[in-house]
Amino acid sequence: MIFERSLQRELAYTAGAVFMVLLTIFLTTMMIRIVGYAASGEVDPKDVVVLIGLTVIGYIAVMLVVTMFVSILFVLTRWYRDSEMVVWLASGVSLTQFIKPIAKFAGPMILLVAFFAYVGWPWSNAQSKLIRARFQQRDEVSMLAPGQFRESPASHRVFFIEKMTPDQAHVQNVFVTSTENGKVSVVVSQNGHTETMKDGSRFVVLENGRRYDGEPGKPDFRIMEFKHYGVKITHQPVVTTPSTTSLSTPALLRHPSRDNLAEFAWRTGLPLMAINLMLLGIPLAYQNPRRGRAINLVMAVLIFLTYSNLLNVVQSWLEQGRMSFVVALVGLHIVAALVVVTVFWLRVRNRPLIPRAWFAFSRGA
């Protein structure tokens, strides 16, 4: 029918615009957050763009759900406001007949939501965790930065260098302090360079400096001058502990612990939430000329936030053992489906969502 083609075409254009707006907002937020991590030394500045991309991939499923719901509300609200919906309803098109064209529009998006929830979300989390782990477990020379004190995560050492060549091969004015068995060792030198032995071990060879050994609070410090002094560079292997958010969906089902089942219920909840919101958007789009134009958008935001927060609450309850897996998997969505059926029935019967008696009672009170 004509109205189906026009509806699907307008939904597609609106969805593209809404998704670009959401993506821009999300990219800006993630850029500020991840650049802050890089500035504080938690991630490598070279990995900022990659981490932003991985984060976007992980949250595409959520953005697609919001895009679909807001697009349906936007388009149908405009049709009500411009009296196009009145024309179609007067021509014999019932409200339930809008389900078919909207389902054709939303079907591919729901499939993408399921794909990114089951595949994209755990893969992006696993890759982000691996990149962060590699940066945190890098060797001590990689951590050094001119003019900054840096503490080694692999040993009780603190490094300070005044100058360093871009290839990190030569350094000047070096300060190294280490603590072991209650004794403090301080090494200072004018110059230094890195060397790699035949067995693969690396050393920072300091030149023309002094070493101070002793125990804090006691006067018997030992002072030594040296021409060459080697400090071994320690590093830790990259070890990543798996978490529920980074496990693949088949792995969650192979190891059905409470945490894994809760994560699986959350991932399954995204496409189910998308289906319910797709259907709910049709009756909620009704536009009363006496109301403001932004009321439907406010309702969409509140409904989505409530639904998503309840999904997180259900996940938490399943992790704590306060809810069974079957109830956590489908219980919330069955309740949401009943709400959708009720709202549809009220709108088809042309009845108000909130009875007028409630308004009268509230005014009287």
Protein backbone atom coordinates (compact mmCIF):
# COMPACT_ATOMS: atom_id res chain seq x y z
CA MET A 1 0.00 0.00 0.00
CA ILE A 2 0.98 3.63 -0.44
CA PHE A 3 1.00 4.38 3.26
CA GLU A 4 3.34 1.41 3.94
CA ARG A 5 5.94 2.60 1.44
CA SER A 6 5.76 6.21 2.59
CA LEU A 7 5.93 5.14 6.24
CA GLN A 8 8.96 2.91 5.70
CA ARG A 9 10.74 5.56 3.65
CA GLU A 10 10.21 8.25 6.28
CA LEU A 11 11.20 5.87 9.06
CA ALA A 12 14.45 5.06 7.28
CA TYR A 13 15.37 8.74 6.79
CA THR A 14 14.49 9.59 10.40
CA ALA A 15 16.41 6.60 11.76
CA GLY A 16 19.52 7.65 9.87
CA ALA A 17 19.36 11.17 11.29
CA VAL A 18 18.64 9.99 14.85
CA PHE A 19 21.45 7.44 14.75
CA MET A 20 23.97 10.05 13.55
CA VAL A 21 22.96 12.39 16.38
CA LEU A 22 23.28 9.63 18.98
CA LEU A 23 26.60 8.52 17.52
CA THR A 24 27.96 12.07 17.62
CA ILE A 25 26.94 12.52 21.25
CA PHE A 26 28.36 9.13 22.20
CA LEU A 27 31.64 9.73 20.35
CA THR A 28 32.08 13.10 22.06
CA THR A 29 31.44 11.60 25.49
CA MET A 30 33.75 8.65 24.93
CA MET A 31 36.48 10.85 23.49
CA ILE A 32 36.49 13.07 26.58
CA ARG A 33 36.54 10.05 28.91
CA ILE A 34 39.23 8.03 27.10
CA VAL A 35 41.45 11.06 26.50
CA GLY A 36 41.21 11.65 30.26
CA TYR A 37 42.39 8.07 30.82
CA ALA A 38 45.30 8.66 28.46
CA ALA A 39 46.23 11.90 30.23
CA SER A 40 46.28 10.12 33.60
CA GLY A 41 48.47 7.31 32.26
CA GLU A 42 45.84 4.55 32.34
CA VAL A 43 45.89 3.92 28.58
CA ASP A 44 48.37 4.52 25.79
CA PRO A 45 47.63 7.77 23.88
CA LYS A 46 48.31 5.84 20.66
CA ASP A 47 45.36 3.54 21.46
CA VAL A 48 42.79 6.28 22.06
CA VAL A 49 41.18 6.05 18.61
CA VAL A 50 41.11 2.24 18.74
CA LEU A 51 39.52 2.23 22.20
CA ILE A 52 36.89 4.74 21.10
CA GLY A 53 36.04 2.55 18.11
CA LEU A 54 35.80 -0.58 20.26
CA THR A 55 33.57 1.20 22.75
CA VAL A 56 31.24 2.34 19.97
CA ILE A 57 31.01 -1.23 18.65
CA GLY A 58 30.11 -2.44 22.12
CA TYR A 59 27.26 0.03 22.53
CA ILE A 60 25.83 -0.04 19.00
CA ALA A 61 23.10 -2.45 20.15
CA VAL A 62 21.84 0.04 22.72
CA MET A 63 22.04 2.93 20.24
CA LEU A 64 20.07 0.95 17.67
CA VAL A 65 17.29 0.26 20.19
CA VAL A 66 17.03 3.96 21.01
CA THR A 67 17.19 4.90 17.32
CA MET A 68 14.36 2.56 16.39
CA PHE A 69 12.08 3.63 19.25
CA VAL A 70 12.64 7.37 18.80
CA SER A 71 12.26 7.14 15.00
CA ILE A 72 8.87 5.41 15.26
CA LEU A 73 7.65 8.01 17.76
CA PHE A 74 8.97 10.92 15.69
CA VAL A 75 7.37 9.81 12.43
CA LEU A 76 3.98 8.79 13.80
CA THR A 77 3.81 11.87 16.02
CA ARG A 78 4.36 14.06 12.97
CA TRP A 79 1.65 12.17 11.12
CA TYR A 80 -0.77 12.87 13.97
CA ARG A 81 0.26 16.52 14.16
CA ASP A 82 -0.12 17.07 10.40
CA SER A 83 -3.42 15.11 10.27
CA GLU A 84 -1.95 12.42 8.01
CA MET A 85 -2.80 9.77 10.57
CA VAL A 86 -6.39 11.01 10.70
CA VAL A 87 -6.65 10.58 6.94
CA TRP A 88 -5.35 7.02 7.01
CA LEU A 89 -7.55 6.02 9.94
CA ALA A 90 -10.58 7.58 8.24
CA SER A 91 -9.72 5.59 5.09
CA GLY A 92 -10.19 2.31 6.94
CA VAL A 93 -6.59 1.66 8.01
CA SER A 94 -6.62 0.42 11.59
CA LEU A 95 -3.88 1.08 14.09
CA THR A 96 -2.89 -2.59 14.12
CA GLN A 97 -2.18 -2.44 10.37
CA PHE A 98 0.78 -0.20 11.13
CA ILE A 99 2.54 -3.14 12.77
CA LYS A 100 3.44 -4.79 9.45
CA PRO A 101 5.30 -1.87 7.75
CA ILE A 102 6.96 -0.86 11.01
CA ALA A 103 8.05 -4.47 11.60
CA LYS A 104 9.59 -4.54 8.10
CA PHE A 105 11.52 -1.40 8.97
CA ALA A 106 12.55 -2.59 12.44
CA GLY A 107 13.28 -6.23 11.55
CA PRO A 108 16.82 -5.67 10.20
CA MET A 109 17.59 -3.34 13.11
CA ILE A 110 16.46 -5.95 15.65
CA LEU A 111 18.69 -8.52 13.95
CA LEU A 112 21.60 -6.08 14.21
CA VAL A 113 20.77 -5.49 17.87
CA ALA A 114 20.95 -9.25 18.49
CA PHE A 115 24.23 -9.55 16.56
CA PHE A 116 25.98 -6.73 18.41
CA ALA A 117 24.57 -7.90 21.76
CA TYR A 118 25.72 -11.50 21.33
CA VAL A 119 28.91 -10.92 19.30
CA GLY A 120 29.96 -7.25 19.15
CA TRP A 121 29.61 -6.48 22.87
CA PRO A 122 31.84 -9.32 24.22
CA TRP A 123 34.38 -8.98 21.39
CA SER A 124 34.85 -5.24 21.91
CA ASN A 125 35.15 -5.70 25.68
CA ALA A 126 37.75 -8.45 25.26
CA GLN A 127 39.83 -6.36 22.85
CA SER A 128 39.64 -3.25 25.06
CA LYS A 129 40.70 -5.25 28.09
CA LEU A 130 43.64 -6.76 26.20
CA ILE A 131 44.84 -3.33 25.03
CA ARG A 132 44.63 -1.93 28.56
CA ALA A 133 46.42 -4.97 30.01
CA ARG A 134 49.27 -4.67 27.52
CA PHE A 135 49.75 -1.03 28.39
CA GLN A 136 49.63 -1.61 32.14
CA GLN A 137 52.12 -4.50 31.91
CA ARG A 138 54.64 -2.83 29.65
CA ASP A 139 58.31 -2.75 30.67
CA GLU A 140 59.80 0.00 32.81
CA VAL A 141 61.53 1.86 29.98
CA SER A 142 58.27 2.19 28.08
CA MET A 143 56.77 3.90 31.11
CA LEU A 144 59.43 6.59 31.35
CA ALA A 145 58.60 10.15 30.36
CA PRO A 146 60.93 13.15 30.62
CA GLY A 147 60.31 15.33 33.67
CA GLN A 148 57.93 12.90 35.39
CA PHE A 149 58.24 10.46 38.27
CA ARG A 150 57.06 7.00 37.22
CA GLU A 151 56.54 4.01 39.50
CA SER A 152 57.17 0.54 38.17
CA PRO A 153 54.24 -1.88 38.58
CA ALA A 154 56.61 -4.87 38.44
CA SER A 155 59.01 -3.77 41.21
CA HIS A 156 59.37 -1.24 44.03
CA ARG A 157 61.11 1.32 41.87
CA VAL A 158 60.54 4.96 41.07
CA PHE A 159 62.22 6.47 38.02
CA PHE A 160 62.86 10.09 37.08
CA ILE A 161 64.72 11.30 34.01
CA GLU A 162 65.24 14.83 32.84
CA LYS A 163 65.84 14.17 29.12
CA MET A 164 65.32 11.23 26.77
CA THR A 165 65.91 10.66 23.07
CA PRO A 166 62.82 9.84 20.98
CA ASP A 167 63.92 6.22 20.55
CA GLN A 168 64.41 5.86 24.34
CA ALA A 169 67.97 4.68 23.75
CA HIS A 170 69.76 7.45 25.71
CA VAL A 171 68.76 9.34 28.85
CA GLN A 172 70.25 12.18 30.88
CA ASN A 173 70.14 13.09 34.58
CA VAL A 174 68.60 9.89 35.89
CA PHE A 175 67.19 9.26 39.39
CA VAL A 176 66.20 5.74 40.48
CA THR A 177 65.05 4.71 43.94
CA SER A 178 64.07 1.23 45.06
CA THR A 179 62.97 -0.34 48.35
CA GLU A 180 63.72 -3.91 49.37
CA ASN A 181 63.56 -5.52 52.83
CA GLY A 182 63.18 -2.13 54.49
CA LYS A 183 66.33 -0.73 52.86
CA VAL A 184 66.35 2.11 50.38
CA SER A 185 68.68 2.35 47.41
CA VAL A 186 69.03 5.61 45.48
CA VAL A 187 70.94 5.84 42.21
CA VAL A 188 71.70 9.10 40.39
CA SER A 189 73.72 9.55 37.21
CA GLN A 190 74.37 12.05 34.47
CA ASN A 191 73.91 9.80 31.44
CA GLY A 192 72.62 6.40 30.51
CA HIS A 193 71.60 4.12 27.66
CA THR A 194 69.74 0.85 27.14
CA GLU A 195 71.37 -2.45 26.22
CA THR A 196 69.90 -5.82 25.23
CA MET A 197 71.78 -8.97 26.20
CA LYS A 198 72.03 -12.15 24.13
CA ASP A 199 69.45 -13.89 26.35
CA GLY A 200 66.93 -11.11 25.63
CA SER A 201 67.15 -9.35 29.01
CA ARG A 202 67.37 -5.56 28.91
CA PHE A 203 69.36 -3.17 31.09
CA VAL A 204 69.57 0.55 31.59
CA VAL A 205 73.32 1.24 31.85
CA LEU A 206 73.93 4.38 33.92
CA GLU A 207 77.18 6.31 33.60
CA ASN A 208 79.11 8.61 35.94
CA GLY A 209 76.86 8.48 38.99
CA ARG A 210 76.46 7.57 42.62
CA ARG A 211 74.54 5.00 44.61
CA TYR A 212 73.26 5.50 48.18
CA ASP A 213 72.26 2.44 50.23
CA GLY A 214 70.84 2.45 53.73
CA GLU A 215 67.90 2.18 56.06
CA PRO A 216 65.73 5.24 56.68
CA GLY A 217 66.32 6.76 60.14
CA LYS A 218 69.81 5.32 60.54
CA PRO A 219 73.09 7.17 59.77
CA ASP A 220 75.04 4.21 58.36
CA PHE A 221 74.43 4.92 54.68
CA ARG A 222 76.83 3.54 52.11
CA ILE A 223 77.87 5.78 49.20
CA MET A 224 79.42 4.39 46.03
CA GLU A 225 80.59 6.15 42.88
CA PHE A 226 80.54 4.32 39.57
CA LYS A 227 81.37 4.76 35.93
CA HIS A 228 78.89 2.16 34.70
CA TYR A 229 75.95 0.70 36.60
CA GLY A 230 73.33 -1.63 35.13
CA VAL A 231 69.68 -1.62 36.21
CA LYS A 232 67.72 -4.59 34.88
CA ILE A 233 64.47 -3.76 33.17
CA THR A 234 61.67 -5.92 34.54
CA HIS A 235 58.41 -6.64 32.77
CA GLN A 236 55.40 -8.79 33.35
CA PRO A 237 53.71 -11.08 30.83
CA VAL A 238 50.32 -10.05 29.52
CA VAL A 239 47.78 -11.88 31.66
CA THR A 240 44.10 -11.20 31.17
CA THR A 241 41.52 -12.69 33.48
CA PRO A 242 38.24 -13.37 31.69
CA SER A 243 35.15 -11.48 32.82
CA THR A 244 31.50 -12.04 32.03
CA THR A 245 31.31 -9.01 29.75
CA SER A 246 34.23 -10.23 27.61
CA LEU A 247 33.18 -13.91 27.38
CA SER A 248 31.58 -15.03 24.15
CA THR A 249 27.93 -16.02 24.29
CA PRO A 250 28.61 -19.78 23.75
CA ALA A 251 31.18 -19.62 26.58
CA LEU A 252 28.54 -18.17 28.91
CA LEU A 253 26.28 -21.13 28.23
CA ARG A 254 29.10 -23.67 28.55
CA HIS A 255 29.86 -22.38 32.05
CA PRO A 256 26.42 -21.54 33.49
CA SER A 257 27.39 -19.76 36.69
CA ARG A 258 25.14 -17.07 38.15
CA ASP A 259 27.25 -14.27 36.74
CA ASN A 260 27.41 -15.84 33.30
CA LEU A 261 23.67 -16.51 33.19
CA ALA A 262 22.99 -12.95 34.32
CA GLU A 263 25.15 -11.63 31.49
CA PHE A 264 23.37 -13.90 29.01
CA ALA A 265 19.98 -12.67 30.26
CA TRP A 266 21.10 -9.06 29.76
CA ARG A 267 22.28 -9.72 26.20
CA THR A 268 19.07 -11.57 25.35
CA GLY A 269 17.07 -8.74 26.87
CA LEU A 270 18.27 -6.17 24.32
CA PRO A 271 16.52 -7.66 21.23
CA LEU A 272 13.45 -8.50 23.34
CA MET A 273 13.37 -4.93 24.59
CA ALA A 274 13.67 -3.71 20.99
CA ILE A 275 10.60 -5.75 19.96
CA ASN A 276 8.50 -4.45 22.84
CA LEU A 277 9.53 -0.83 22.27
CA MET A 278 8.83 -1.17 18.54
CA LEU A 279 5.23 -2.19 19.29
CA LEU A 280 4.82 0.28 22.13
CA GLY A 281 5.87 3.20 19.93
CA ILE A 282 2.77 2.83 17.73
CA PRO A 283 0.07 3.63 20.33
CA LEU A 284 2.32 6.03 22.26
CA ALA A 285 2.76 8.22 19.20
CA TYR A 286 -0.77 9.59 19.53
CA GLN A 287 -0.51 13.38 19.47
CA ASN A 288 -3.02 15.54 21.28
CA PRO A 289 -3.03 19.05 19.78
CA ARG A 290 -3.40 20.50 23.26
CA ARG A 291 -0.17 18.94 24.45
CA GLY A 292 3.34 20.13 23.71
CA ARG A 293 5.23 18.71 20.76
CA ALA A 294 8.08 17.42 22.91
CA ILE A 295 5.92 15.36 25.26
CA ASN A 296 6.35 12.16 23.22
CA LEU A 297 10.13 12.53 23.15
CA VAL A 298 10.16 12.98 26.92
CA MET A 299 8.00 9.89 27.31
CA ALA A 300 10.32 7.92 25.01
CA VAL A 301 13.37 8.85 27.07
CA LEU A 302 11.65 8.01 30.36
CA ILE A 303 10.30 4.69 29.07
CA PHE A 304 13.65 3.61 27.65
CA LEU A 305 15.55 4.58 30.81
CA THR A 306 13.02 2.76 32.99
CA TYR A 307 13.12 -0.36 30.84
CA SER A 308 16.93 -0.46 30.59
CA ASN A 309 17.38 0.19 34.32
CA LEU A 310 14.93 -2.59 35.17
CA LEU A 311 16.92 -4.87 32.87
CA ASN A 312 20.06 -4.03 34.85
CA VAL A 313 18.20 -4.63 38.13
CA VAL A 314 17.07 -8.05 36.93
CA GLN A 315 20.66 -8.88 35.99
CA SER A 316 21.85 -7.85 39.44
CA TRP A 317 19.15 -9.91 41.17
CA LEU A 318 20.09 -12.97 39.15
CA GLU A 319 23.75 -12.53 40.12
CA GLN A 320 22.73 -12.30 43.78
CA GLY A 321 20.52 -15.39 43.55
CA ARG A 322 17.33 -13.47 44.31
CA MET A 323 15.70 -14.51 41.02
CA SER A 324 15.67 -17.68 38.93
CA PHE A 325 17.20 -17.72 35.46
CA VAL A 326 13.92 -18.31 33.58
CA VAL A 327 12.16 -15.46 35.39
CA ALA A 328 15.11 -13.15 34.83
CA LEU A 329 15.29 -14.11 31.16
CA VAL A 330 11.66 -13.50 30.15
CA GLY A 331 9.76 -12.17 33.18
CA LEU A 332 10.40 -8.47 32.64
CA HIS A 333 9.71 -8.72 28.91
CA ILE A 334 6.44 -10.57 29.43
CA VAL A 335 5.30 -7.78 31.76
CA ALA A 336 6.37 -5.22 29.16
CA ALA A 337 4.48 -7.13 26.45
CA LEU A 338 1.32 -7.06 28.61
CA VAL A 339 1.73 -3.30 28.98
CA VAL A 340 2.05 -3.02 25.18
CA VAL A 341 -1.14 -5.05 24.63
CA THR A 342 -3.00 -2.94 27.19
CA VAL A 343 -1.90 0.37 25.68
CA PHE A 344 -2.74 -0.90 22.18
CA TRP A 345 -6.20 -1.99 23.31
CA LEU A 346 -6.90 1.37 24.96
CA ARG A 347 -5.75 3.29 21.88
CA VAL A 348 -7.72 1.10 19.45
CA ARG A 349 -10.81 1.58 21.62
CA ASN A 350 -10.04 5.30 21.66
CA ARG A 351 -9.86 5.34 25.43
CA PRO A 352 -7.45 7.51 27.45
CA LEU A 353 -4.35 5.88 28.89
CA ILE A 354 -5.07 7.58 32.24
CA PRO A 355 -8.75 7.56 33.30
CA ARG A 356 -10.33 10.97 33.78
CA ALA A 357 -11.53 9.93 37.25
CA TRP A 358 -7.89 9.94 38.36
CA PHE A 359 -7.55 13.58 37.30
CA ALA A 360 -10.75 14.48 39.14
CA PHE A 361 -9.55 12.68 42.27
CA SER A 362 -6.16 14.39 42.15
CA ARG A 363 -7.81 17.81 41.76
CA GLY A 364 -10.17 17.12 44.64
CA ALA A 365 -7.28 16.04 46.85
